[in-house]
Structures are given as structure tokens and as C-alpha cells.
């Protein structure tokens, strides 16, 4: 579990990993890529990301987008990120 802050106009690039993940957005708004779907998300939203699902998020607001991320593991070494930069979040 941890926190992340994404400045206006910036992105967490598309990637995937074997454990499922959950985002809880605490402030701001963004566009979330999850698989073949792109959707608008904002503070208060909870997002479930299935295991090995390509995902990323872009801040589309004027203020920082902040979120809490959670993996169902207590060992960081179980999380291996794989970049999927060919996937762009518009």
C-alpha cells in the first residue's frame, strides 16, 4: 500500500504486473486506462485492476491527482512492473 501524486498533465504510463491492484483516488481527476477501456475518474472513486491488466492514469485536471494504491501482498519483491508504453492514454 502506498500513495502517489501526479502533477497536472502528467501520467503514470501504461504497465502491468501479476498481482491485482486497487486505486482509491483522494483528490483530482484523471483518465484511467484499464485493458481496452478508458474512463474518467475523480476523487472518491475506487478502481479495481485485475491481475496482468494493462493500466495507467493521466491527470487531466488543473490540480494534482492523488491516489492510494494497494496490492494484496506484503512483499514488494512480488511486484514486477512491465512497461506497456505503446499504450497511450489520450
PDB file of N, CA and C in Angstrom:
ATOM      1  N   UNK A   1       0.857  -1.174   0.000  1.00  0.00           N
ATOM      2  CA  UNK A   1       0.000   0.000   0.000  1.00  0.00           C
ATOM      3  C   UNK A   1       0.893   1.223   0.000  1.00  0.00           C
ATOM      4  N   UNK A   2       0.492   2.228  -0.742  1.00  0.00           N
ATOM      5  CA  UNK A   2       1.259   3.458  -0.782  1.00  0.00           C
ATOM      6  C   UNK A   2       0.436   4.579  -1.386  1.00  0.00           C
ATOM      7  N   UNK A   3       1.064   5.725  -1.545  1.00  0.00           N
ATOM      8  CA  UNK A   3       0.393   6.874  -2.127  1.00  0.00           C
ATOM      9  C   UNK A   3       1.164   7.357  -3.343  1.00  0.00           C
ATOM     10  N   UNK A   4       0.465   8.049  -4.207  1.00  0.00           N
ATOM     11  CA  UNK A   4       1.075   8.608  -5.407  1.00  0.00           C
ATOM     12  C   UNK A   4       0.407   9.943  -5.696  1.00  0.00           C
ATOM     13  N   UNK A   5       1.199  10.903  -6.165  1.00  0.00           N
ATOM     14  CA  UNK A   5       0.672  12.195  -6.586  1.00  0.00           C
ATOM     15  C   UNK A   5       1.174  12.452  -7.998  1.00  0.00           C
ATOM     16  N   UNK A   6       0.237  12.774  -8.899  1.00  0.00           N
ATOM     17  CA  UNK A   6       0.558  13.007 -10.303  1.00  0.00           C
ATOM     18  C   UNK A   6       0.242  14.467 -10.624  1.00  0.00           C
ATOM     19  N   UNK A   7       1.232  15.240 -11.048  1.00  0.00           N
ATOM     20  CA  UNK A   7       1.004  16.658 -11.365  1.00  0.00           C
ATOM     21  C   UNK A   7       0.072  16.831 -12.568  1.00  0.00           C
ATOM     22  N   UNK A   8      -0.531  18.001 -12.717  1.00  0.00           N
ATOM     23  CA  UNK A   8      -1.385  18.267 -13.875  1.00  0.00           C
ATOM     24  C   UNK A   8      -0.656  17.984 -15.187  1.00  0.00           C
ATOM     25  N   UNK A   9      -1.331  17.269 -16.082  1.00  0.00           N
ATOM     26  CA  UNK A   9      -0.785  16.949 -17.392  1.00  0.00           C
ATOM     27  C   UNK A   9       0.143  15.738 -17.419  1.00  0.00           C
ATOM     28  N   UNK A  10       0.557  15.239 -16.270  1.00  0.00           N
ATOM     29  CA  UNK A  10       1.475  14.101 -16.207  1.00  0.00           C
ATOM     30  C   UNK A  10       0.702  12.783 -16.148  1.00  0.00           C
ATOM     31  N   UNK A  11       1.435  11.682 -16.362  1.00  0.00           N
ATOM     32  CA  UNK A  11       0.818  10.351 -16.397  1.00  0.00           C
ATOM     33  C   UNK A  11       1.647   9.336 -15.642  1.00  0.00           C
ATOM     34  N   UNK A  12       0.972   8.307 -15.181  1.00  0.00           N
ATOM     35  CA  UNK A  12       1.616   7.054 -14.801  1.00  0.00           C
ATOM     36  C   UNK A  12       1.457   6.194 -16.050  1.00  0.00           C
ATOM     37  N   UNK A  13       2.557   5.932 -16.757  1.00  0.00           N
ATOM     38  CA  UNK A  13       2.495   5.236 -18.033  1.00  0.00           C
ATOM     39  C   UNK A  13       1.863   3.855 -17.914  1.00  0.00           C
ATOM     40  N   UNK A  14       1.318   3.411 -19.028  1.00  0.00           N
ATOM     41  CA  UNK A  14       0.691   2.087 -19.091  1.00  0.00           C
ATOM     42  C   UNK A  14       1.694   1.006 -18.709  1.00  0.00           C
ATOM     43  N   UNK A  15       1.239   0.060 -17.897  1.00  0.00           N
ATOM     44  CA  UNK A  15       2.080  -1.031 -17.413  1.00  0.00           C
ATOM     45  C   UNK A  15       1.174  -2.161 -16.941  1.00  0.00           C
ATOM     46  N   UNK A  16       1.765  -3.273 -16.595  1.00  0.00           N
ATOM     47  CA  UNK A  16       1.003  -4.366 -15.978  1.00  0.00           C
ATOM     48  C   UNK A  16       1.919  -5.126 -15.025  1.00  0.00           C
ATOM     49  N   UNK A  17       1.300  -5.908 -14.152  1.00  0.00           N
ATOM     50  CA  UNK A  17       2.004  -6.747 -13.178  1.00  0.00           C
ATOM     51  C   UNK A  17       1.066  -7.863 -12.762  1.00  0.00           C
ATOM     52  N   UNK A  18       1.632  -8.928 -12.214  1.00  0.00           N
ATOM     53  CA  UNK A  18       0.807 -10.100 -11.925  1.00  0.00           C
ATOM     54  C   UNK A  18      -0.197  -9.912 -10.784  1.00  0.00           C
ATOM     55  N   UNK A  19       0.097  -9.208  -9.694  1.00  0.00           N
ATOM     56  CA  UNK A  19      -0.944  -9.064  -8.675  1.00  0.00           C
ATOM     57  C   UNK A  19      -2.030  -8.075  -9.113  1.00  0.00           C
ATOM     58  N   UNK A  20      -3.238  -8.316  -8.674  1.00  0.00           N
ATOM     59  CA  UNK A  20      -4.294  -7.327  -8.873  1.00  0.00           C
ATOM     60  C   UNK A  20      -3.926  -6.078  -8.085  1.00  0.00           C
ATOM     61  N   UNK A  21      -4.582  -4.959  -8.390  1.00  0.00           N
ATOM     62  CA  UNK A  21      -4.301  -3.700  -7.697  1.00  0.00           C
ATOM     63  C   UNK A  21      -5.600  -2.931  -7.525  1.00  0.00           C
ATOM     64  N   UNK A  22      -5.666  -2.108  -6.498  1.00  0.00           N
ATOM     65  CA  UNK A  22      -6.812  -1.238  -6.258  1.00  0.00           C
ATOM     66  C   UNK A  22      -6.290   0.181  -6.089  1.00  0.00           C
ATOM     67  N   UNK A  23      -6.962   1.145  -6.748  1.00  0.00           N
ATOM     68  CA  UNK A  23      -6.676   2.567  -6.553  1.00  0.00           C
ATOM     69  C   UNK A  23      -7.841   3.181  -5.792  1.00  0.00           C
ATOM     70  N   UNK A  24      -7.531   4.058  -4.853  1.00  0.00           N
ATOM     71  CA  UNK A  24      -8.534   4.922  -4.220  1.00  0.00           C
ATOM     72  C   UNK A  24      -8.069   6.341  -4.473  1.00  0.00           C
ATOM     73  N   UNK A  25      -8.820   7.093  -5.280  1.00  0.00           N
ATOM     74  CA  UNK A  25      -8.447   8.462  -5.619  1.00  0.00           C
ATOM     75  C   UNK A  25      -8.867   9.408  -4.510  1.00  0.00           C
ATOM     76  N   UNK A  26      -7.907  10.160  -3.999  1.00  0.00           N
ATOM     77  CA  UNK A  26      -8.175  11.057  -2.873  1.00  0.00           C
ATOM     78  C   UNK A  26      -8.331  12.513  -3.297  1.00  0.00           C
ATOM     79  N   UNK A  27      -7.812  12.889  -4.470  1.00  0.00           N
ATOM     80  CA  UNK A  27      -8.023  14.250  -4.983  1.00  0.00           C
ATOM     81  C   UNK A  27      -7.754  14.274  -6.477  1.00  0.00           C
ATOM     82  N   UNK A  28      -8.354  15.248  -7.143  1.00  0.00           N
ATOM     83  CA  UNK A  28      -8.117  15.455  -8.567  1.00  0.00           C
ATOM     84  C   UNK A  28      -9.011  14.621  -9.456  1.00  0.00           C
ATOM     85  N   UNK A  29      -8.664  14.646 -10.761  1.00  0.00           N
ATOM     86  CA  UNK A  29      -9.412  13.872 -11.750  1.00  0.00           C
ATOM     87  C   UNK A  29      -8.459  13.415 -12.843  1.00  0.00           C
ATOM     88  N   UNK A  30      -8.824  12.317 -13.465  1.00  0.00           N
ATOM     89  CA  UNK A  30      -7.949  11.782 -14.490  1.00  0.00           C
ATOM     90  C   UNK A  30      -8.671  10.904 -15.475  1.00  0.00           C
ATOM     91  N   UNK A  31      -7.884  10.417 -16.419  1.00  0.00           N
ATOM     92  CA  UNK A  31      -8.359   9.447 -17.391  1.00  0.00           C
ATOM     93  C   UNK A  31      -7.600   8.162 -17.108  1.00  0.00           C
ATOM     94  N   UNK A  32      -8.324   7.095 -16.864  1.00  0.00           N
ATOM     95  CA  UNK A  32      -7.754   5.809 -16.493  1.00  0.00           C
ATOM     96  C   UNK A  32      -7.883   4.829 -17.647  1.00  0.00           C
ATOM     97  N   UNK A  33      -6.751   4.248 -18.033  1.00  0.00           N
ATOM     98  CA  UNK A  33      -6.731   3.144 -18.984  1.00  0.00           C
ATOM     99  C   UNK A  33      -6.725   1.860 -18.179  1.00  0.00           C
ATOM    100  N   UNK A  34      -7.636   0.947 -18.489  1.00  0.00           N
ATOM    101  CA  UNK A  34      -7.666  -0.366 -17.849  1.00  0.00           C
ATOM    102  C   UNK A  34      -8.112  -1.359 -18.911  1.00  0.00           C
ATOM    103  N   UNK A  35      -7.141  -2.111 -19.442  1.00  0.00           N
ATOM    104  CA  UNK A  35      -7.443  -3.011 -20.544  1.00  0.00           C
ATOM    105  C   UNK A  35      -7.749  -2.216 -21.797  1.00  0.00           C
ATOM    106  N   UNK A  36      -8.894  -2.463 -22.394  1.00  0.00           N
ATOM    107  CA  UNK A  36      -9.324  -1.759 -23.607  1.00  0.00           C
ATOM    108  C   UNK A  36     -10.220  -0.573 -23.304  1.00  0.00           C
ATOM    109  N   UNK A  37     -10.396  -0.262 -22.022  1.00  0.00           N
ATOM    110  CA  UNK A  37     -11.322   0.784 -21.607  1.00  0.00           C
ATOM    111  C   UNK A  37     -10.580   1.995 -21.060  1.00  0.00           C
ATOM    112  N   UNK A  38     -11.040   3.184 -21.444  1.00  0.00           N
ATOM    113  CA  UNK A  38     -10.552   4.426 -20.859  1.00  0.00           C
ATOM    114  C   UNK A  38     -11.754   5.111 -20.237  1.00  0.00           C
ATOM    115  N   UNK A  39     -11.629   5.488 -18.959  1.00  0.00           N
ATOM    116  CA  UNK A  39     -12.756   6.141 -18.306  1.00  0.00           C
ATOM    117  C   UNK A  39     -12.293   7.300 -17.440  1.00  0.00           C
ATOM    118  N   UNK A  40     -13.210   8.220 -17.216  1.00  0.00           N
ATOM    119  CA  UNK A  40     -12.961   9.382 -16.368  1.00  0.00           C
ATOM    120  C   UNK A  40     -13.069   8.952 -14.908  1.00  0.00           C
ATOM    121  N   UNK A  41     -12.095   9.346 -14.094  1.00  0.00           N
ATOM    122  CA  UNK A  41     -12.121   9.050 -12.662  1.00  0.00           C
ATOM    123  C   UNK A  41     -11.855  10.333 -11.892  1.00  0.00           C
ATOM    124  N   UNK A  42     -12.308  10.368 -10.644  1.00  0.00           N
ATOM    125  CA  UNK A  42     -12.121  11.568  -9.816  1.00  0.00           C
ATOM    126  C   UNK A  42     -12.077  11.179  -8.347  1.00  0.00           C
ATOM    127  N   UNK A  43     -11.754  12.159  -7.519  1.00  0.00           N
ATOM    128  CA  UNK A  43     -11.656  11.936  -6.078  1.00  0.00           C
ATOM    129  C   UNK A  43     -12.874  11.182  -5.558  1.00  0.00           C
ATOM    130  N   UNK A  44     -12.620  10.180  -4.725  1.00  0.00           N
ATOM    131  CA  UNK A  44     -13.677   9.361  -4.154  1.00  0.00           C
ATOM    132  C   UNK A  44     -13.895   8.054  -4.893  1.00  0.00           C
ATOM    133  N   UNK A  45     -13.387   7.942  -6.123  1.00  0.00           N
ATOM    134  CA  UNK A  45     -13.552   6.710  -6.895  1.00  0.00           C
ATOM    135  C   UNK A  45     -12.603   5.624  -6.393  1.00  0.00           C
ATOM    136  N   UNK A  46     -13.054   4.394  -6.473  1.00  0.00           N
ATOM    137  CA  UNK A  46     -12.236   3.216  -6.196  1.00  0.00           C
ATOM    138  C   UNK A  46     -12.185   2.418  -7.489  1.00  0.00           C
ATOM    139  N   UNK A  47     -10.978   2.021  -7.889  1.00  0.00           N
ATOM    140  CA  UNK A  47     -10.782   1.307  -9.145  1.00  0.00           C
ATOM    141  C   UNK A  47     -10.148  -0.047  -8.860  1.00  0.00           C
ATOM    142  N   UNK A  48     -10.749  -1.105  -9.378  1.00  0.00           N
ATOM    143  CA  UNK A  48     -10.197  -2.459  -9.281  1.00  0.00           C
ATOM    144  C   UNK A  48      -9.479  -2.775 -10.586  1.00  0.00           C
ATOM    145  N   UNK A  49      -8.227  -3.191 -10.508  1.00  0.00           N
ATOM    146  CA  UNK A  49      -7.433  -3.526 -11.688  1.00  0.00           C
ATOM    147  C   UNK A  49      -7.079  -5.011 -11.596  1.00  0.00           C
ATOM    148  N   UNK A  50      -7.645  -5.847 -12.494  1.00  0.00           N
ATOM    149  CA  UNK A  50      -7.370  -7.283 -12.441  1.00  0.00           C
ATOM    150  C   UNK A  50      -5.885  -7.600 -12.647  1.00  0.00           C
ATOM    151  N   UNK A  51      -5.462  -8.751 -12.216  1.00  0.00           N
ATOM    152  CA  UNK A  51      -4.089  -9.214 -12.395  1.00  0.00           C
ATOM    153  C   UNK A  51      -3.714  -9.210 -13.874  1.00  0.00           C
ATOM    154  N   UNK A  52      -2.510  -8.747 -14.160  1.00  0.00           N
ATOM    155  CA  UNK A  52      -1.946  -8.692 -15.521  1.00  0.00           C
ATOM    156  C   UNK A  52      -2.704  -7.787 -16.483  1.00  0.00           C
ATOM    157  N   UNK A  53      -3.583  -6.931 -15.992  1.00  0.00           N
ATOM    158  CA  UNK A  53      -4.333  -5.999 -16.845  1.00  0.00           C
ATOM    159  C   UNK A  53      -3.468  -4.765 -17.116  1.00  0.00           C
ATOM    160  N   UNK A  54      -3.308  -4.406 -18.386  1.00  0.00           N
ATOM    161  CA  UNK A  54      -2.587  -3.171 -18.721  1.00  0.00           C
ATOM    162  C   UNK A  54      -3.386  -1.994 -18.186  1.00  0.00           C
ATOM    163  N   UNK A  55      -2.693  -1.080 -17.480  1.00  0.00           N
ATOM    164  CA  UNK A  55      -3.371   0.084 -16.918  1.00  0.00           C
ATOM    165  C   UNK A  55      -2.401   1.247 -16.760  1.00  0.00           C
ATOM    166  N   UNK A  56      -2.958   2.428 -16.672  1.00  0.00           N
ATOM    167  CA  UNK A  56      -2.211   3.656 -16.459  1.00  0.00           C
ATOM    168  C   UNK A  56      -3.210   4.762 -16.203  1.00  0.00           C
ATOM    169  N   UNK A  57      -2.725   5.911 -15.776  1.00  0.00           N
ATOM    170  CA  UNK A  57      -3.632   7.008 -15.457  1.00  0.00           C
ATOM    171  C   UNK A  57      -2.971   8.332 -15.812  1.00  0.00           C
ATOM    172  N   UNK A  58      -3.769   9.267 -16.336  1.00  0.00           N
ATOM    173  CA  UNK A  58      -3.290  10.601 -16.706  1.00  0.00           C
ATOM    174  C   UNK A  58      -4.090  11.640 -15.948  1.00  0.00           C
ATOM    175  N   UNK A  59      -3.394  12.619 -15.380  1.00  0.00           N
ATOM    176  CA  UNK A  59      -4.053  13.728 -14.698  1.00  0.00           C
ATOM    177  C   UNK A  59      -4.561  14.700 -15.755  1.00  0.00           C
ATOM    178  N   UNK A  60      -5.879  14.905 -15.804  1.00  0.00           N
ATOM    179  CA  UNK A  60      -6.475  15.820 -16.775  1.00  0.00           C
ATOM    180  C   UNK A  60      -7.002  17.084 -16.112  1.00  0.00           C
ATOM    181  N   UNK A  61      -6.746  17.223 -14.814  1.00  0.00           N
ATOM    182  CA  UNK A  61      -7.238  18.372 -14.078  1.00  0.00           C
ATOM    183  C   UNK A  61      -6.201  19.480 -13.945  1.00  0.00           C
ATOM    184  N   UNK A  62      -6.588  20.530 -13.242  1.00  0.00           N
ATOM    185  CA  UNK A  62      -5.710  21.678 -13.011  1.00  0.00           C
ATOM    186  C   UNK A  62      -4.912  21.534 -11.722  1.00  0.00           C
ATOM    187  N   UNK A  63      -5.242  20.532 -10.916  1.00  0.00           N
ATOM    188  CA  UNK A  63      -4.575  20.300  -9.638  1.00  0.00           C
ATOM    189  C   UNK A  63      -4.013  18.886  -9.614  1.00  0.00           C
ATOM    190  N   UNK A  64      -3.175  18.595  -8.646  1.00  0.00           N
ATOM    191  CA  UNK A  64      -2.592  17.258  -8.528  1.00  0.00           C
ATOM    192  C   UNK A  64      -3.668  16.194  -8.380  1.00  0.00           C
ATOM    193  N   UNK A  65      -3.415  15.050  -8.985  1.00  0.00           N
ATOM    194  CA  UNK A  65      -4.249  13.869  -8.814  1.00  0.00           C
ATOM    195  C   UNK A  65      -3.522  12.998  -7.796  1.00  0.00           C
ATOM    196  N   UNK A  66      -4.185  12.683  -6.705  1.00  0.00           N
ATOM    197  CA  UNK A  66      -3.565  11.868  -5.656  1.00  0.00           C
ATOM    198  C   UNK A  66      -4.377  10.593  -5.486  1.00  0.00           C
ATOM    199  N   UNK A  67      -3.645   9.506  -5.246  1.00  0.00           N
ATOM    200  CA  UNK A  67      -4.333   8.229  -5.044  1.00  0.00           C
ATOM    201  C   UNK A  67      -3.556   7.348  -4.082  1.00  0.00           C
ATOM    202  N   UNK A  68      -4.284   6.424  -3.499  1.00  0.00           N
ATOM    203  CA  UNK A  68      -3.707   5.369  -2.676  1.00  0.00           C
ATOM    204  C   UNK A  68      -3.761   4.112  -3.525  1.00  0.00           C
ATOM    205  N   UNK A  69      -2.640   3.403  -3.643  1.00  0.00           N
ATOM    206  CA  UNK A  69      -2.611   2.132  -4.375  1.00  0.00           C
ATOM    207  C   UNK A  69      -2.414   0.996  -3.388  1.00  0.00           C
ATOM    208  N   UNK A  70      -3.017  -0.149  -3.700  1.00  0.00           N
ATOM    209  CA  UNK A  70      -2.952  -1.300  -2.799  1.00  0.00           C
ATOM    210  C   UNK A  70      -2.777  -2.591  -3.588  1.00  0.00           C
ATOM    211  N   UNK A  71      -1.842  -3.407  -3.139  1.00  0.00           N
ATOM    212  CA  UNK A  71      -1.642  -4.752  -3.676  1.00  0.00           C
ATOM    213  C   UNK A  71      -1.953  -5.755  -2.564  1.00  0.00           C
ATOM    214  N   UNK A  72      -2.490  -6.944  -2.899  1.00  0.00           N
ATOM    215  CA  UNK A  72      -2.765  -7.956  -1.874  1.00  0.00           C
ATOM    216  C   UNK A  72      -1.509  -8.769  -1.536  1.00  0.00           C
ATOM    217  N   UNK A  73      -0.472  -8.082  -1.136  1.00  0.00           N
ATOM    218  CA  UNK A  73       0.781  -8.728  -0.757  1.00  0.00           C
ATOM    219  C   UNK A  73       1.492  -7.854   0.258  1.00  0.00           C
ATOM    220  N   UNK A  74       2.353  -8.436   1.032  1.00  0.00           N
ATOM    221  CA  UNK A  74       3.123  -7.649   1.983  1.00  0.00           C
ATOM    222  C   UNK A  74       4.608  -7.627   1.622  1.00  0.00           C
ATOM    223  N   UNK A  75       4.922  -8.087   0.389  1.00  0.00           N
ATOM    224  CA  UNK A  75       6.309  -8.146  -0.049  1.00  0.00           C
ATOM    225  C   UNK A  75       6.453  -7.430  -1.391  1.00  0.00           C
ATOM    226  N   UNK A  76       7.176  -6.320  -1.403  1.00  0.00           N
ATOM    227  CA  UNK A  76       7.345  -5.534  -2.623  1.00  0.00           C
ATOM    228  C   UNK A  76       8.012  -6.357  -3.726  1.00  0.00           C
ATOM    229  N   UNK A  77       8.846  -7.315  -3.363  1.00  0.00           N
ATOM    230  CA  UNK A  77       9.550  -8.116  -4.368  1.00  0.00           C
ATOM    231  C   UNK A  77       8.597  -8.956  -5.222  1.00  0.00           C
ATOM    232  N   UNK A  78       7.350  -9.121  -4.796  1.00  0.00           N
ATOM    233  CA  UNK A  78       6.364  -9.859  -5.586  1.00  0.00           C
ATOM    234  C   UNK A  78       5.799  -9.032  -6.737  1.00  0.00           C
ATOM    235  N   UNK A  79       6.095  -7.732  -6.747  1.00  0.00           N
ATOM    236  CA  UNK A  79       5.552  -6.836  -7.763  1.00  0.00           C
ATOM    237  C   UNK A  79       6.624  -6.583  -8.814  1.00  0.00           C
ATOM    238  N   UNK A  80       6.415  -7.095 -10.013  1.00  0.00           N
ATOM    239  CA  UNK A  80       7.336  -6.851 -11.121  1.00  0.00           C
ATOM    240  C   UNK A  80       6.585  -6.079 -12.204  1.00  0.00           C
ATOM    241  N   UNK A  81       6.993  -4.811 -12.407  1.00  0.00           N
ATOM    242  CA  UNK A  81       6.347  -3.950 -13.393  1.00  0.00           C
ATOM    243  C   UNK A  81       6.838  -4.275 -14.799  1.00  0.00           C
ATOM    244  N   UNK A  82       5.895  -4.293 -15.741  1.00  0.00           N
ATOM    245  CA  UNK A  82       6.201  -4.471 -17.156  1.00  0.00           C
ATOM    246  C   UNK A  82       5.616  -3.265 -17.883  1.00  0.00           C
ATOM    247  N   UNK A  83       6.480  -2.472 -18.530  1.00  0.00           N
ATOM    248  CA  UNK A  83       6.020  -1.281 -19.237  1.00  0.00           C
ATOM    249  C   UNK A  83       5.259  -1.661 -20.506  1.00  0.00           C
ATOM    250  N   UNK A  84       4.206  -0.907 -20.767  1.00  0.00           N
ATOM    251  CA  UNK A  84       3.404  -1.060 -21.980  1.00  0.00           C
ATOM    252  C   UNK A  84       3.275   0.309 -22.630  1.00  0.00           C
ATOM    253  N   UNK A  85       4.428   0.941 -22.915  1.00  0.00           N
ATOM    254  CA  UNK A  85       4.443   2.323 -23.400  1.00  0.00           C
ATOM    255  C   UNK A  85       3.733   2.500 -24.746  1.00  0.00           C
ATOM    256  N   UNK A  86       3.531   1.404 -25.493  1.00  0.00           N
ATOM    257  CA  UNK A  86       2.819   1.553 -26.756  1.00  0.00           C
ATOM    258  C   UNK A  86       1.347   1.902 -26.528  1.00  0.00           C
ATOM    259  N   UNK A  87       0.875   1.652 -25.318  1.00  0.00           N
ATOM    260  CA  UNK A  87      -0.494   2.020 -24.950  1.00  0.00           C
ATOM    261  C   UNK A  87      -0.478   3.473 -24.463  1.00  0.00           C
ATOM    262  N   UNK A  88      -1.228   4.343 -25.119  1.00  0.00           N
ATOM    263  CA  UNK A  88      -1.235   5.760 -24.770  1.00  0.00           C
ATOM    264  C   UNK A  88      -2.589   6.124 -24.183  1.00  0.00           C
ATOM    265  N   UNK A  89      -2.557   6.929 -23.147  1.00  0.00           N
ATOM    266  CA  UNK A  89      -3.790   7.415 -22.521  1.00  0.00           C
ATOM    267  C   UNK A  89      -4.070   8.796 -23.087  1.00  0.00           C
ATOM    268  N   UNK A  90      -5.104   8.911 -23.919  1.00  0.00           N
ATOM    269  CA  UNK A  90      -5.454  10.210 -24.523  1.00  0.00           C
ATOM    270  C   UNK A  90      -6.392  10.977 -23.633  1.00  0.00           C
TER     271      UNK A  90
END
